[in-house]
N, C-alpha and C. Protein backbone atom coordinates (compact mmCIF):
# COMPACT_ATOMS: atom_id res chain seq x y z
N MET A 1 -56.60 3.79 -2.04
CA MET A 1 -56.93 4.77 -3.06
C MET A 1 -56.31 6.15 -2.85
N MET A 2 -55.57 6.46 -3.96
CA MET A 2 -54.87 7.71 -3.62
C MET A 2 -55.52 8.70 -5.00
N THR A 3 -55.32 9.91 -5.06
CA THR A 3 -54.80 10.36 -6.52
C THR A 3 -53.04 10.60 -6.93
N LEU A 4 -53.58 10.06 -8.47
CA LEU A 4 -52.01 10.62 -9.39
C LEU A 4 -51.52 11.76 -8.56
N SER A 5 -52.08 13.25 -8.19
CA SER A 5 -51.45 14.20 -7.55
C SER A 5 -50.25 13.51 -6.64
N LYS A 6 -50.83 12.77 -5.75
CA LYS A 6 -49.88 12.43 -4.33
C LYS A 6 -49.13 11.21 -4.72
N ALA A 7 -48.37 11.01 -5.77
CA ALA A 7 -47.88 9.63 -6.20
C ALA A 7 -46.47 9.82 -6.38
N LYS A 8 -45.86 9.00 -6.15
CA LYS A 8 -44.48 9.47 -6.25
C LYS A 8 -43.73 9.01 -7.23
N ILE A 9 -42.84 9.88 -7.76
CA ILE A 9 -42.19 9.85 -9.13
C ILE A 9 -41.51 9.01 -9.20
N GLY A 10 -41.76 8.08 -10.56
CA GLY A 10 -41.11 6.55 -11.00
C GLY A 10 -42.31 5.49 -11.10
N GLN A 11 -43.17 5.62 -10.34
CA GLN A 11 -43.35 4.04 -10.11
C GLN A 11 -44.70 3.79 -10.68
N THR A 12 -45.18 2.82 -10.91
CA THR A 12 -46.19 2.59 -11.64
C THR A 12 -47.34 2.25 -11.12
N PHE A 13 -48.70 2.19 -11.65
CA PHE A 13 -49.61 2.42 -10.64
C PHE A 13 -50.52 2.07 -11.67
N THR A 14 -51.79 1.64 -10.97
CA THR A 14 -52.92 0.77 -11.62
C THR A 14 -54.42 1.90 -11.60
N ILE A 15 -54.49 2.45 -12.81
CA ILE A 15 -55.70 3.10 -12.39
C ILE A 15 -56.94 2.60 -12.47
N GLN A 16 -57.85 3.09 -11.27
CA GLN A 16 -58.86 2.15 -10.62
C GLN A 16 -59.98 2.97 -11.10
N SER A 17 -60.05 4.49 -10.96
CA SER A 17 -60.84 5.04 -11.88
C SER A 17 -60.40 6.67 -12.12
N VAL A 18 -61.08 7.16 -13.03
CA VAL A 18 -61.76 8.78 -13.75
C VAL A 18 -62.46 9.40 -13.47
N GLU A 19 -61.95 10.60 -12.11
CA GLU A 19 -63.29 11.01 -11.60
C GLU A 19 -63.07 12.94 -12.40
N GLY A 20 -64.20 13.76 -12.08
CA GLY A 20 -64.38 14.77 -12.55
C GLY A 20 -65.31 15.33 -13.48
N LYS A 21 -65.05 15.88 -14.23
CA LYS A 21 -66.59 16.63 -15.41
C LYS A 21 -66.02 15.96 -16.07
N GLU A 22 -66.74 15.93 -17.12
CA GLU A 22 -66.96 15.20 -18.19
C GLU A 22 -66.12 15.50 -19.10
N LYS A 23 -65.67 17.02 -19.18
CA LYS A 23 -64.81 17.35 -20.50
C LYS A 23 -63.36 16.75 -20.32
N ILE A 24 -63.22 16.85 -18.90
CA ILE A 24 -62.12 16.42 -18.73
C ILE A 24 -61.73 14.68 -18.72
N LYS A 25 -63.00 14.06 -17.97
CA LYS A 25 -62.77 12.49 -18.53
C LYS A 25 -62.42 12.53 -19.50
N LYS A 26 -63.24 13.13 -20.51
CA LYS A 26 -63.04 12.84 -21.72
C LYS A 26 -61.91 12.95 -22.82
N PHE A 27 -61.37 13.72 -22.06
CA PHE A 27 -59.74 14.15 -22.80
C PHE A 27 -58.77 12.92 -22.00
N LEU A 28 -58.95 12.87 -20.83
CA LEU A 28 -57.74 11.75 -20.40
C LEU A 28 -58.32 10.31 -20.69
N PHE A 29 -59.35 10.19 -21.45
CA PHE A 29 -60.07 8.72 -22.15
C PHE A 29 -59.18 8.76 -23.61
N THR A 30 -58.88 9.70 -24.06
CA THR A 30 -58.28 9.91 -25.44
C THR A 30 -56.84 9.66 -25.13
N LEU A 31 -56.34 10.29 -24.18
CA LEU A 31 -54.83 9.68 -23.67
C LEU A 31 -54.66 8.10 -23.51
N GLY A 32 -55.72 7.08 -23.15
CA GLY A 32 -55.01 6.02 -23.00
C GLY A 32 -56.11 5.97 -21.55
N CYS A 33 -56.16 6.94 -20.83
CA CYS A 33 -56.77 6.65 -19.51
C CYS A 33 -57.51 5.95 -19.13
N PHE A 34 -57.70 5.57 -18.58
CA PHE A 34 -59.43 4.28 -18.21
C PHE A 34 -58.80 3.63 -16.98
N GLU A 35 -59.99 3.24 -16.46
CA GLU A 35 -59.92 2.06 -15.45
C GLU A 35 -59.35 0.70 -15.81
N GLY A 36 -58.18 -0.07 -15.02
CA GLY A 36 -57.17 -1.03 -15.51
C GLY A 36 -56.16 -1.16 -16.36
N GLU A 37 -56.10 0.10 -16.37
CA GLU A 37 -54.32 0.62 -17.72
C GLU A 37 -53.64 1.04 -16.36
N GLU A 38 -52.37 1.01 -16.80
CA GLU A 38 -50.94 1.07 -15.74
C GLU A 38 -51.09 2.93 -16.44
N ILE A 39 -50.37 3.34 -15.60
CA ILE A 39 -50.26 4.31 -15.71
C ILE A 39 -48.48 4.97 -14.99
N THR A 40 -47.63 5.82 -15.57
CA THR A 40 -46.18 5.82 -14.73
C THR A 40 -46.10 7.19 -14.65
N LEU A 41 -45.90 7.58 -13.54
CA LEU A 41 -45.44 9.19 -13.16
C LEU A 41 -43.89 9.41 -13.27
N ILE A 42 -43.63 9.99 -14.43
CA ILE A 42 -42.49 10.44 -14.98
C ILE A 42 -41.65 11.51 -13.54
N SER A 43 -42.42 12.89 -14.01
CA SER A 43 -41.83 13.90 -13.18
C SER A 43 -42.70 14.19 -12.90
N LYS A 44 -42.81 15.66 -12.02
CA LYS A 44 -43.91 16.31 -11.37
C LYS A 44 -42.99 18.01 -11.69
N LEU A 45 -43.35 18.90 -11.78
CA LEU A 45 -42.45 20.41 -12.32
C LEU A 45 -43.67 21.56 -12.18
N ALA A 46 -43.06 21.95 -11.03
CA ALA A 46 -44.43 24.04 -10.99
C ALA A 46 -45.92 23.24 -11.11
N GLY A 47 -46.34 22.22 -11.15
CA GLY A 47 -47.89 21.85 -11.24
C GLY A 47 -48.04 21.07 -12.48
N THR A 48 -47.31 20.22 -13.15
CA THR A 48 -47.38 19.93 -14.59
C THR A 48 -46.68 18.16 -14.44
N PHE A 49 -47.64 17.16 -14.83
CA PHE A 49 -47.35 15.60 -14.39
C PHE A 49 -47.22 15.97 -15.94
N VAL A 50 -45.67 14.91 -16.22
CA VAL A 50 -45.94 14.36 -16.81
C VAL A 50 -45.78 12.44 -16.80
N ILE A 51 -46.94 11.92 -17.65
CA ILE A 51 -47.25 10.77 -17.20
C ILE A 51 -47.01 10.15 -18.68
N ASN A 52 -46.55 8.38 -18.17
CA ASN A 52 -46.73 7.59 -19.59
C ASN A 52 -47.69 6.71 -19.54
N ILE A 53 -47.97 6.26 -19.92
CA ILE A 53 -49.63 5.43 -20.70
C ILE A 53 -49.32 4.95 -22.25
N LYS A 54 -49.60 3.53 -21.89
CA LYS A 54 -49.25 2.46 -23.11
C LYS A 54 -47.72 3.21 -24.29
N ASP A 55 -46.67 3.59 -23.67
CA ASP A 55 -45.51 3.60 -24.12
C ASP A 55 -46.00 4.87 -24.99
N SER A 56 -46.61 6.07 -24.53
CA SER A 56 -46.47 7.36 -24.79
C SER A 56 -46.45 8.68 -23.22
N ARG A 57 -45.89 9.65 -23.87
CA ARG A 57 -45.78 10.83 -22.59
C ARG A 57 -46.41 11.92 -23.07
N TYR A 58 -47.36 12.11 -21.65
CA TYR A 58 -48.39 13.17 -22.23
C TYR A 58 -47.68 13.98 -20.33
N ALA A 59 -47.83 15.14 -20.88
CA ALA A 59 -47.60 16.32 -20.13
C ALA A 59 -49.66 16.97 -19.40
N ILE A 60 -50.08 16.60 -17.88
CA ILE A 60 -51.01 17.04 -17.48
C ILE A 60 -50.86 18.06 -16.66
N ASP A 61 -52.29 18.74 -16.39
CA ASP A 61 -51.73 20.11 -15.13
C ASP A 61 -52.63 19.09 -12.94
N GLU A 62 -52.13 19.53 -12.67
CA GLU A 62 -52.83 18.64 -11.20
C GLU A 62 -53.85 18.63 -11.28
N GLY A 63 -55.03 19.30 -11.65
CA GLY A 63 -56.17 19.66 -11.80
C GLY A 63 -56.91 18.05 -12.25
N MET A 64 -56.13 17.77 -13.36
CA MET A 64 -56.45 16.31 -13.94
C MET A 64 -55.57 15.36 -13.78
N ALA A 65 -54.55 15.07 -12.69
CA ALA A 65 -53.87 14.56 -11.75
C ALA A 65 -55.09 14.20 -10.81
N LYS A 66 -55.15 15.06 -10.47
CA LYS A 66 -56.23 14.58 -9.06
C LYS A 66 -57.37 13.77 -9.61
N CYS A 67 -58.07 13.72 -10.44
CA CYS A 67 -58.90 13.28 -10.92
C CYS A 67 -58.96 11.65 -11.44
N ILE A 68 -57.45 11.22 -11.39
CA ILE A 68 -57.05 10.23 -11.77
C ILE A 68 -57.05 9.55 -10.38
N LYS A 69 -57.78 8.20 -10.08
CA LYS A 69 -57.60 7.24 -8.72
C LYS A 69 -56.35 6.08 -9.22
N ILE A 70 -55.46 5.98 -8.24
CA ILE A 70 -54.76 4.99 -8.63
C ILE A 70 -54.74 3.82 -7.19
N VAL A 71 -54.34 3.04 -7.97
CA VAL A 71 -53.54 2.11 -6.54
C VAL A 71 -52.08 1.37 -7.25
N ALA A 72 -51.77 0.67 -6.26
CA ALA A 72 -50.03 0.39 -6.04
C ALA A 72 -50.43 -1.40 -7.16
């Protein structure tokens, strides 16, 4: 298991869990980021991670990316 912050660009992963403070977890949940969902890392630039969840793209910071635990 690793965090999204360590993922390679262009790969699709399954979210195993979302950890961290309750405020961050709630925000990620509103994006559709929850256990069992597929997530793709589109790009990362200057600490900003562009992700694709459920055919939608979002930009999150590195702190949030570290809260998302993934499996290949």
